[in-house]
Amino acid sequence: VLVAIGLLMGFLGPYGTVRLPAVPGYVYWMACMVGSG
């Protein structure tokens, strides 16, 4: 579930992260969502 949410957040790119490069953006959100979860 956490991985799925992380992928969704990486795709949506909230809080301005949509402007980040794709790979670092997904890595960032995966780290944040899985770790926080």
PDB file of all heavy atoms in Angstrom:
ATOM      1  N   VAL A   1       0.834  -1.203   0.000  1.00  0.00           N
ATOM      2  CA  VAL A   1       0.000   0.000   0.000  1.00  0.00           C
ATOM      3  C   VAL A   1       0.868   1.253   0.000  1.00  0.00           C
ATOM      4  O   VAL A   1       0.612   2.212  -0.742  1.00  0.00           O
ATOM      5  CB  VAL A   1      -0.944  -0.006   1.217  1.00  0.00           C
ATOM      6  CG1 VAL A   1      -1.654   1.337   1.355  1.00  0.00           C
ATOM      7  CG2 VAL A   1      -1.969  -1.126   1.093  1.00  0.00           C
ATOM      8  N   LEU A   2       1.933   1.254   0.809  1.00  0.00           N
ATOM      9  CA  LEU A   2       2.815   2.420   0.875  1.00  0.00           C
ATOM     10  C   LEU A   2       3.538   2.655  -0.446  1.00  0.00           C
ATOM     11  O   LEU A   2       3.686   3.799  -0.886  1.00  0.00           O
ATOM     12  CB  LEU A   2       3.829   2.234   2.010  1.00  0.00           C
ATOM     13  CG  LEU A   2       3.246   2.217   3.429  1.00  0.00           C
ATOM     14  CD1 LEU A   2       4.332   1.915   4.449  1.00  0.00           C
ATOM     15  CD2 LEU A   2       2.557   3.536   3.752  1.00  0.00           C
ATOM     16  N   VAL A   3       3.985   1.578  -1.074  1.00  0.00           N
ATOM     17  CA  VAL A   3       4.648   1.709  -2.372  1.00  0.00           C
ATOM     18  C   VAL A   3       3.673   2.276  -3.402  1.00  0.00           C
ATOM     19  O   VAL A   3       4.030   3.159  -4.204  1.00  0.00           O
ATOM     20  CB  VAL A   3       5.206   0.350  -2.839  1.00  0.00           C
ATOM     21  CG1 VAL A   3       5.638   0.405  -4.305  1.00  0.00           C
ATOM     22  CG2 VAL A   3       6.383  -0.072  -1.965  1.00  0.00           C
ATOM     23  N   ALA A   4       2.427   1.796  -3.377  1.00  0.00           N
ATOM     24  CA  ALA A   4       1.415   2.298  -4.316  1.00  0.00           C
ATOM     25  C   ALA A   4       1.164   3.786  -4.097  1.00  0.00           C
ATOM     26  O   ALA A   4       1.052   4.570  -5.059  1.00  0.00           O
ATOM     27  CB  ALA A   4       0.124   1.505  -4.159  1.00  0.00           C
ATOM     28  N   ILE A   5       1.094   4.208  -2.833  1.00  0.00           N
ATOM     29  CA  ILE A   5       0.882   5.637  -2.540  1.00  0.00           C
ATOM     30  C   ILE A   5       2.090   6.455  -2.981  1.00  0.00           C
ATOM     31  O   ILE A   5       1.948   7.553  -3.535  1.00  0.00           O
ATOM     32  CB  ILE A   5       0.599   5.840  -1.039  1.00  0.00           C
ATOM     33  CG1 ILE A   5      -0.718   5.152  -0.651  1.00  0.00           C
ATOM     34  CG2 ILE A   5       0.527   7.319  -0.700  1.00  0.00           C
ATOM     35  CD1 ILE A   5      -1.014   5.187   0.836  1.00  0.00           C
ATOM     36  N   GLY A   6       3.287   5.908  -2.748  1.00  0.00           N
ATOM     37  CA  GLY A   6       4.497   6.601  -3.179  1.00  0.00           C
ATOM     38  C   GLY A   6       4.541   6.805  -4.677  1.00  0.00           C
ATOM     39  O   GLY A   6       4.902   7.886  -5.171  1.00  0.00           O
ATOM     40  N   LEU A   7       4.164   5.779  -5.424  1.00  0.00           N
ATOM     41  CA  LEU A   7       4.122   5.896  -6.886  1.00  0.00           C
ATOM     42  C   LEU A   7       3.081   6.917  -7.324  1.00  0.00           C
ATOM     43  O   LEU A   7       3.311   7.694  -8.267  1.00  0.00           O
ATOM     44  CB  LEU A   7       3.821   4.529  -7.504  1.00  0.00           C
ATOM     45  CG  LEU A   7       4.926   3.469  -7.371  1.00  0.00           C
ATOM     46  CD1 LEU A   7       4.426   2.117  -7.865  1.00  0.00           C
ATOM     47  CD2 LEU A   7       6.171   3.897  -8.153  1.00  0.00           C
ATOM     48  N   LEU A   8       1.930   6.927  -6.643  1.00  0.00           N
ATOM     49  CA  LEU A   8       0.889   7.892  -6.985  1.00  0.00           C
ATOM     50  C   LEU A   8       1.367   9.317  -6.732  1.00  0.00           C
ATOM     51  O   LEU A   8       1.143  10.217  -7.569  1.00  0.00           O
ATOM     52  CB  LEU A   8      -0.364   7.595  -6.172  1.00  0.00           C
ATOM     53  CG  LEU A   8      -1.543   8.562  -6.370  1.00  0.00           C
ATOM     54  CD1 LEU A   8      -2.032   8.513  -7.813  1.00  0.00           C
ATOM     55  CD2 LEU A   8      -2.676   8.230  -5.402  1.00  0.00           C
ATOM     56  N   MET A   9       2.013   9.544  -5.591  1.00  0.00           N
ATOM     57  CA  MET A   9       2.499  10.885  -5.276  1.00  0.00           C
ATOM     58  C   MET A   9       3.591  11.307  -6.252  1.00  0.00           C
ATOM     59  O   MET A   9       3.654  12.470  -6.664  1.00  0.00           O
ATOM     60  CB  MET A   9       3.023  10.920  -3.838  1.00  0.00           C
ATOM     61  CG  MET A   9       1.951  10.643  -2.788  1.00  0.00           C
ATOM     62  SD  MET A   9       0.633  11.868  -2.761  1.00  0.00           S
ATOM     63  CE  MET A   9       1.434  13.195  -1.879  1.00  0.00           C
ATOM     64  N   GLY A  10       4.448  10.367  -6.642  1.00  0.00           N
ATOM     65  CA  GLY A  10       5.469  10.684  -7.633  1.00  0.00           C
ATOM     66  C   GLY A  10       4.855  11.072  -8.961  1.00  0.00           C
ATOM     67  O   GLY A  10       5.365  11.939  -9.674  1.00  0.00           O
ATOM     68  N   PHE A  11       3.760  10.440  -9.311  1.00  0.00           N
ATOM     69  CA  PHE A  11       3.081  10.758 -10.567  1.00  0.00           C
ATOM     70  C   PHE A  11       2.381  12.111 -10.500  1.00  0.00           C
ATOM     71  O   PHE A  11       2.430  12.902 -11.449  1.00  0.00           O
ATOM     72  CB  PHE A  11       2.066   9.656 -10.886  1.00  0.00           C
ATOM     73  CG  PHE A  11       1.213   9.939 -12.093  1.00  0.00           C
ATOM     74  CD1 PHE A  11       1.723   9.797 -13.374  1.00  0.00           C
ATOM     75  CD2 PHE A  11      -0.105  10.357 -11.931  1.00  0.00           C
ATOM     76  CE1 PHE A  11       0.931  10.069 -14.488  1.00  0.00           C
ATOM     77  CE2 PHE A  11      -0.894  10.625 -13.045  1.00  0.00           C
ATOM     78  CZ  PHE A  11      -0.375  10.473 -14.324  1.00  0.00           C
ATOM     79  N   LEU A  12       1.715  12.393  -9.361  1.00  0.00           N
ATOM     80  CA  LEU A  12       0.975  13.646  -9.224  1.00  0.00           C
ATOM     81  C   LEU A  12       1.906  14.834  -9.016  1.00  0.00           C
ATOM     82  O   LEU A  12       1.604  15.949  -9.449  1.00  0.00           O
ATOM     83  CB  LEU A  12      -0.020  13.545  -8.059  1.00  0.00           C
ATOM     84  CG  LEU A  12      -1.132  12.503  -8.216  1.00  0.00           C
ATOM     85  CD1 LEU A  12      -1.973  12.425  -6.945  1.00  0.00           C
ATOM     86  CD2 LEU A  12      -2.014  12.830  -9.413  1.00  0.00           C
ATOM     87  N   GLY A  13       3.017  14.602  -8.290  1.00  0.00           N
ATOM     88  CA  GLY A  13       3.976  15.682  -8.060  1.00  0.00           C
ATOM     89  C   GLY A  13       3.434  16.868  -7.294  1.00  0.00           C
ATOM     90  O   GLY A  13       3.565  18.012  -7.764  1.00  0.00           O
ATOM     91  N   PRO A  14       2.824  16.670  -6.101  1.00  0.00           N
ATOM     92  CA  PRO A  14       2.291  17.812  -5.340  1.00  0.00           C
ATOM     93  C   PRO A  14       3.412  18.664  -4.736  1.00  0.00           C
ATOM     94  O   PRO A  14       4.567  18.266  -4.711  1.00  0.00           O
ATOM     95  CB  PRO A  14       1.466  17.133  -4.249  1.00  0.00           C
ATOM     96  CG  PRO A  14       2.106  15.798  -4.075  1.00  0.00           C
ATOM     97  CD  PRO A  14       2.605  15.399  -5.426  1.00  0.00           C
ATOM     98  N   TYR A  15       3.012  19.830  -4.233  1.00  0.00           N
ATOM     99  CA  TYR A  15       3.932  20.767  -3.582  1.00  0.00           C
ATOM    100  C   TYR A  15       5.096  21.157  -4.497  1.00  0.00           C
ATOM    101  O   TYR A  15       6.241  21.304  -4.052  1.00  0.00           O
ATOM    102  CB  TYR A  15       4.472  20.180  -2.271  1.00  0.00           C
ATOM    103  CG  TYR A  15       3.389  19.836  -1.280  1.00  0.00           C
ATOM    104  CD1 TYR A  15       3.233  18.527  -0.828  1.00  0.00           C
ATOM    105  CD2 TYR A  15       2.509  20.810  -0.803  1.00  0.00           C
ATOM    106  CE1 TYR A  15       2.229  18.198   0.070  1.00  0.00           C
ATOM    107  CE2 TYR A  15       1.506  20.487   0.098  1.00  0.00           C
ATOM    108  CZ  TYR A  15       1.371  19.181   0.525  1.00  0.00           C
ATOM    109  OH  TYR A  15       0.378  18.873   1.410  1.00  0.00           O
ATOM    110  N   GLY A  16       4.833  21.279  -5.776  1.00  0.00           N
ATOM    111  CA  GLY A  16       5.848  21.747  -6.707  1.00  0.00           C
ATOM    112  C   GLY A  16       6.826  20.698  -7.181  1.00  0.00           C
ATOM    113  O   GLY A  16       7.693  20.984  -8.012  1.00  0.00           O
ATOM    114  N   THR A  17       6.698  19.454  -6.685  1.00  0.00           N
ATOM    115  CA  THR A  17       7.641  18.409  -7.098  1.00  0.00           C
ATOM    116  C   THR A  17       7.381  17.924  -8.510  1.00  0.00           C
ATOM    117  O   THR A  17       8.168  17.145  -9.047  1.00  0.00           O
ATOM    118  CB  THR A  17       7.574  17.204  -6.132  1.00  0.00           C
ATOM    119  OG1 THR A  17       6.226  16.700  -6.101  1.00  0.00           O
ATOM    120  CG2 THR A  17       7.976  17.613  -4.723  1.00  0.00           C
ATOM    121  N   VAL A  18       6.286  18.380  -9.131  1.00  0.00           N
ATOM    122  CA  VAL A  18       6.012  17.996 -10.504  1.00  0.00           C
ATOM    123  C   VAL A  18       7.093  18.531 -11.445  1.00  0.00           C
ATOM    124  O   VAL A  18       7.308  18.005 -12.548  1.00  0.00           O
ATOM    125  CB  VAL A  18       4.613  18.490 -10.934  1.00  0.00           C
ATOM    126  CG1 VAL A  18       4.590  20.005 -11.053  1.00  0.00           C
ATOM    127  CG2 VAL A  18       4.200  17.856 -12.252  1.00  0.00           C
ATOM    128  N   ARG A  19       7.797  19.580 -10.993  1.00  0.00           N
ATOM    129  CA  ARG A  19       8.845  20.164 -11.830  1.00  0.00           C
ATOM    130  C   ARG A  19      10.168  19.420 -11.720  1.00  0.00           C
ATOM    131  O   ARG A  19      11.114  19.721 -12.448  1.00  0.00           O
ATOM    132  CB  ARG A  19       9.039  21.631 -11.445  1.00  0.00           C
ATOM    133  CG  ARG A  19       7.832  22.514 -11.737  1.00  0.00           C
ATOM    134  CD  ARG A  19       8.158  23.979 -11.511  1.00  0.00           C
ATOM    135  NE  ARG A  19       8.455  24.258 -10.107  1.00  0.00           N
ATOM    136  CZ  ARG A  19       7.521  24.588  -9.218  1.00  0.00           C
ATOM    137  NH1 ARG A  19       6.242  24.668  -9.576  1.00  0.00           N
ATOM    138  NH2 ARG A  19       7.860  24.846  -7.980  1.00  0.00           N
ATOM    139  N   LEU A  20      10.238  18.463 -10.792  1.00  0.00           N
ATOM    140  CA  LEU A  20      11.477  17.710 -10.620  1.00  0.00           C
ATOM    141  C   LEU A  20      11.650  16.700 -11.743  1.00  0.00           C
ATOM    142  O   LEU A  20      10.672  16.248 -12.339  1.00  0.00           O
ATOM    143  CB  LEU A  20      11.456  16.962  -9.275  1.00  0.00           C
ATOM    144  CG  LEU A  20      11.404  17.828  -8.002  1.00  0.00           C
ATOM    145  CD1 LEU A  20      11.224  16.923  -6.789  1.00  0.00           C
ATOM    146  CD2 LEU A  20      12.671  18.665  -7.871  1.00  0.00           C
ATOM    147  N   PRO A  21      12.897  16.308 -12.049  1.00  0.00           N
ATOM    148  CA  PRO A  21      13.108  15.222 -13.004  1.00  0.00           C
ATOM    149  C   PRO A  21      12.382  13.961 -12.529  1.00  0.00           C
ATOM    150  O   PRO A  21      12.238  13.727 -11.319  1.00  0.00           O
ATOM    151  CB  PRO A  21      14.636  15.029 -13.000  1.00  0.00           C
ATOM    152  CG  PRO A  21      15.171  16.350 -12.543  1.00  0.00           C
ATOM    153  CD  PRO A  21      14.161  16.889 -11.576  1.00  0.00           C
ATOM    154  N   ALA A  22      11.936  13.135 -13.464  1.00  0.00           N
ATOM    155  CA  ALA A  22      11.065  12.003 -13.127  1.00  0.00           C
ATOM    156  C   ALA A  22      11.693  11.050 -12.126  1.00  0.00           C
ATOM    157  O   ALA A  22      11.093  10.733 -11.090  1.00  0.00           O
ATOM    158  CB  ALA A  22      10.681  11.261 -14.403  1.00  0.00           C
ATOM    159  N   VAL A  23      12.900  10.583 -12.396  1.00  0.00           N
ATOM    160  CA  VAL A  23      13.502   9.561 -11.526  1.00  0.00           C
ATOM    161  C   VAL A  23      13.753  10.091 -10.124  1.00  0.00           C
ATOM    162  O   VAL A  23      13.329   9.470  -9.128  1.00  0.00           O
ATOM    163  CB  VAL A  23      14.796   9.003 -12.156  1.00  0.00           C
ATOM    164  CG1 VAL A  23      15.500   8.064 -11.173  1.00  0.00           C
ATOM    165  CG2 VAL A  23      14.476   8.274 -13.451  1.00  0.00           C
ATOM    166  N   PRO A  24      14.441  11.235  -9.967  1.00  0.00           N
ATOM    167  CA  PRO A  24      14.622  11.750  -8.598  1.00  0.00           C
ATOM    168  C   PRO A  24      13.295  12.043  -7.895  1.00  0.00           C
ATOM    169  O   PRO A  24      13.170  11.848  -6.686  1.00  0.00           O
ATOM    170  CB  PRO A  24      15.427  13.039  -8.810  1.00  0.00           C
ATOM    171  CG  PRO A  24      16.091  12.867 -10.121  1.00  0.00           C
ATOM    172  CD  PRO A  24      15.129  12.073 -10.956  1.00  0.00           C
ATOM    173  N   GLY A  25      12.293  12.493  -8.665  1.00  0.00           N
ATOM    174  CA  GLY A  25      10.996  12.779  -8.066  1.00  0.00           C
ATOM    175  C   GLY A  25      10.338  11.533  -7.497  1.00  0.00           C
ATOM    176  O   GLY A  25       9.817  11.535  -6.377  1.00  0.00           O
ATOM    177  N   TYR A  26      10.376  10.452  -8.263  1.00  0.00           N
ATOM    178  CA  TYR A  26       9.801   9.196  -7.772  1.00  0.00           C
ATOM    179  C   TYR A  26      10.588   8.655  -6.584  1.00  0.00           C
ATOM    180  O   TYR A  26      10.015   8.160  -5.603  1.00  0.00           O
ATOM    181  CB  TYR A  26       9.756   8.156  -8.895  1.00  0.00           C
ATOM    182  CG  TYR A  26       8.515   8.245  -9.756  1.00  0.00           C
ATOM    183  CD1 TYR A  26       8.551   8.861 -11.008  1.00  0.00           C
ATOM    184  CD2 TYR A  26       7.308   7.726  -9.319  1.00  0.00           C
ATOM    185  CE1 TYR A  26       7.407   8.958 -11.798  1.00  0.00           C
ATOM    186  CE2 TYR A  26       6.164   7.806 -10.101  1.00  0.00           C
ATOM    187  CZ  TYR A  26       6.217   8.431 -11.335  1.00  0.00           C
ATOM    188  OH  TYR A  26       5.090   8.519 -12.096  1.00  0.00           O
ATOM    189  N   VAL A  27      11.913   8.722  -6.655  1.00  0.00           N
ATOM    190  CA  VAL A  27      12.754   8.245  -5.542  1.00  0.00           C
ATOM    191  C   VAL A  27      12.446   9.034  -4.282  1.00  0.00           C
ATOM    192  O   VAL A  27      12.333   8.470  -3.180  1.00  0.00           O
ATOM    193  CB  VAL A  27      14.250   8.346  -5.908  1.00  0.00           C
ATOM    194  CG1 VAL A  27      15.117   8.036  -4.684  1.00  0.00           C
ATOM    195  CG2 VAL A  27      14.585   7.387  -7.043  1.00  0.00           C
ATOM    196  N   TYR A  28      12.306  10.332  -4.432  1.00  0.00           N
ATOM    197  CA  TYR A  28      12.009  11.204  -3.295  1.00  0.00           C
ATOM    198  C   TYR A  28      10.683  10.817  -2.638  1.00  0.00           C
ATOM    199  O   TYR A  28      10.607  10.637  -1.417  1.00  0.00           O
ATOM    200  CB  TYR A  28      11.976  12.659  -3.771  1.00  0.00           C
ATOM    201  CG  TYR A  28      11.442  13.638  -2.759  1.00  0.00           C
ATOM    202  CD1 TYR A  28      12.220  14.039  -1.680  1.00  0.00           C
ATOM    203  CD2 TYR A  28      10.155  14.171  -2.902  1.00  0.00           C
ATOM    204  CE1 TYR A  28      11.725  14.955  -0.751  1.00  0.00           C
ATOM    205  CE2 TYR A  28       9.658  15.079  -1.977  1.00  0.00           C
ATOM    206  CZ  TYR A  28      10.441  15.465  -0.902  1.00  0.00           C
ATOM    207  OH  TYR A  28       9.951  16.369   0.019  1.00  0.00           O
ATOM    208  N   TRP A  29       9.630  10.684  -3.457  1.00  0.00           N
ATOM    209  CA  TRP A  29       8.317  10.364  -2.891  1.00  0.00           C
ATOM    210  C   TRP A  29       8.262   8.945  -2.343  1.00  0.00           C
ATOM    211  O   TRP A  29       7.585   8.696  -1.331  1.00  0.00           O
ATOM    212  CB  TRP A  29       7.227  10.585  -3.930  1.00  0.00           C
ATOM    213  CG  TRP A  29       6.814  12.022  -4.012  1.00  0.00           C
ATOM    214  CD1 TRP A  29       7.038  12.892  -5.042  1.00  0.00           C
ATOM    215  CD2 TRP A  29       6.133  12.758  -3.001  1.00  0.00           C
ATOM    216  NE1 TRP A  29       6.535  14.135  -4.742  1.00  0.00           N
ATOM    217  CE2 TRP A  29       5.963  14.078  -3.487  1.00  0.00           C
ATOM    218  CE3 TRP A  29       5.646  12.450  -1.742  1.00  0.00           C
ATOM    219  CZ2 TRP A  29       5.338  15.068  -2.752  1.00  0.00           C
ATOM    220  CZ3 TRP A  29       5.009  13.437  -1.000  1.00  0.00           C
ATOM    221  CH2 TRP A  29       4.859  14.729  -1.495  1.00  0.00           C
ATOM    222  N   MET A  30       8.957   8.014  -2.955  1.00  0.00           N
ATOM    223  CA  MET A  30       8.986   6.653  -2.412  1.00  0.00           C
ATOM    224  C   MET A  30       9.652   6.641  -1.044  1.00  0.00           C
ATOM    225  O   MET A  30       9.184   5.992  -0.098  1.00  0.00           O
ATOM    226  CB  MET A  30       9.730   5.721  -3.370  1.00  0.00           C
ATOM    227  CG  MET A  30       8.971   5.430  -4.656  1.00  0.00           C
ATOM    228  SD  MET A  30       7.427   4.520  -4.378  1.00  0.00           S
ATOM    229  CE  MET A  30       8.075   2.950  -3.854  1.00  0.00           C
ATOM    230  N   ALA A  31      10.774   7.376  -0.916  1.00  0.00           N
ATOM    231  CA  ALA A  31      11.465   7.446   0.373  1.00  0.00           C
ATOM    232  C   ALA A  31      10.573   8.093   1.427  1.00  0.00           C
ATOM    233  O   ALA A  31      10.475   7.606   2.570  1.00  0.00           O
ATOM    234  CB  ALA A  31      12.769   8.229   0.220  1.00  0.00           C
ATOM    235  N   CYS A  32       9.906   9.178   1.039  1.00  0.00           N
ATOM    236  CA  CYS A  32       9.051   9.888   1.996  1.00  0.00           C
ATOM    237  C   CYS A  32       7.850   9.049   2.422  1.00  0.00           C
ATOM    238  O   CYS A  32       7.543   8.943   3.619  1.00  0.00           O
ATOM    239  CB  CYS A  32       8.571  11.206   1.386  1.00  0.00           C
ATOM    240  SG  CYS A  32       9.869  12.429   1.141  1.00  0.00           S
ATOM    241  N   MET A  33       7.154   8.443   1.459  1.00  0.00           N
ATOM    242  CA  MET A  33       5.912   7.749   1.774  1.00  0.00           C
ATOM    243  C   MET A  33       6.167   6.414   2.467  1.00  0.00           C
ATOM    244  O   MET A  33       5.511   6.076   3.451  1.00  0.00           O
ATOM    245  CB  MET A  33       5.083   7.535   0.501  1.00  0.00           C
ATOM    246  CG  MET A  33       4.689   8.830  -0.207  1.00  0.00           C
ATOM    247  SD  MET A  33       4.016  10.092   0.902  1.00  0.00           S
ATOM    248  CE  MET A  33       2.629   9.232   1.613  1.00  0.00           C
ATOM    249  N   VAL A  34       7.114   5.628   1.943  1.00  0.00           N
ATOM    250  CA  VAL A  34       7.392   4.332   2.578  1.00  0.00           C
ATOM    251  C   VAL A  34       7.981   4.548   3.963  1.00  0.00           C
ATOM    252  O   VAL A  34       7.572   3.916   4.948  1.00  0.00           O
ATOM    253  CB  VAL A  34       8.327   3.483   1.701  1.00  0.00           C
ATOM    254  CG1 VAL A  34       8.732   2.214   2.438  1.00  0.00           C
ATOM    255  CG2 VAL A  34       7.650   3.142   0.382  1.00  0.00           C
ATOM    256  N   GLY A  35       8.962   5.471   4.076  1.00  0.00           N
ATOM    257  CA  GLY A  35       9.571   5.736   5.376  1.00  0.00           C
ATOM    258  C   GLY A  35       8.574   6.278   6.382  1.00  0.00           C
ATOM    259  O   GLY A  35       8.500   5.817   7.531  1.00  0.00           O
ATOM    260  N   SER A  36       7.777   7.265   5.964  1.00  0.00           N
ATOM    261  CA  SER A  36       6.784   7.850   6.874  1.00  0.00           C
ATOM    262  C   SER A  36       5.722   6.831   7.260  1.00  0.00           C
ATOM    263  O   SER A  36       5.280   6.764   8.416  1.00  0.00           O
ATOM    264  CB  SER A  36       6.124   9.058   6.207  1.00  0.00           C
ATOM    265  OG  SER A  36       7.072  10.057   5.923  1.00  0.00           O
ATOM    266  N   GLY A  37       5.304   6.021   6.279  1.00  0.00           N
ATOM    267  CA  GLY A  37       4.303   4.994   6.572  1.00  0.00           C
ATOM    268  C   GLY A  37       4.797   3.995   7.594  1.00  0.00           C
ATOM    269  O   GLY A  37       4.055   3.593   8.507  1.00  0.00           O
TER     270      GLY A  37
END
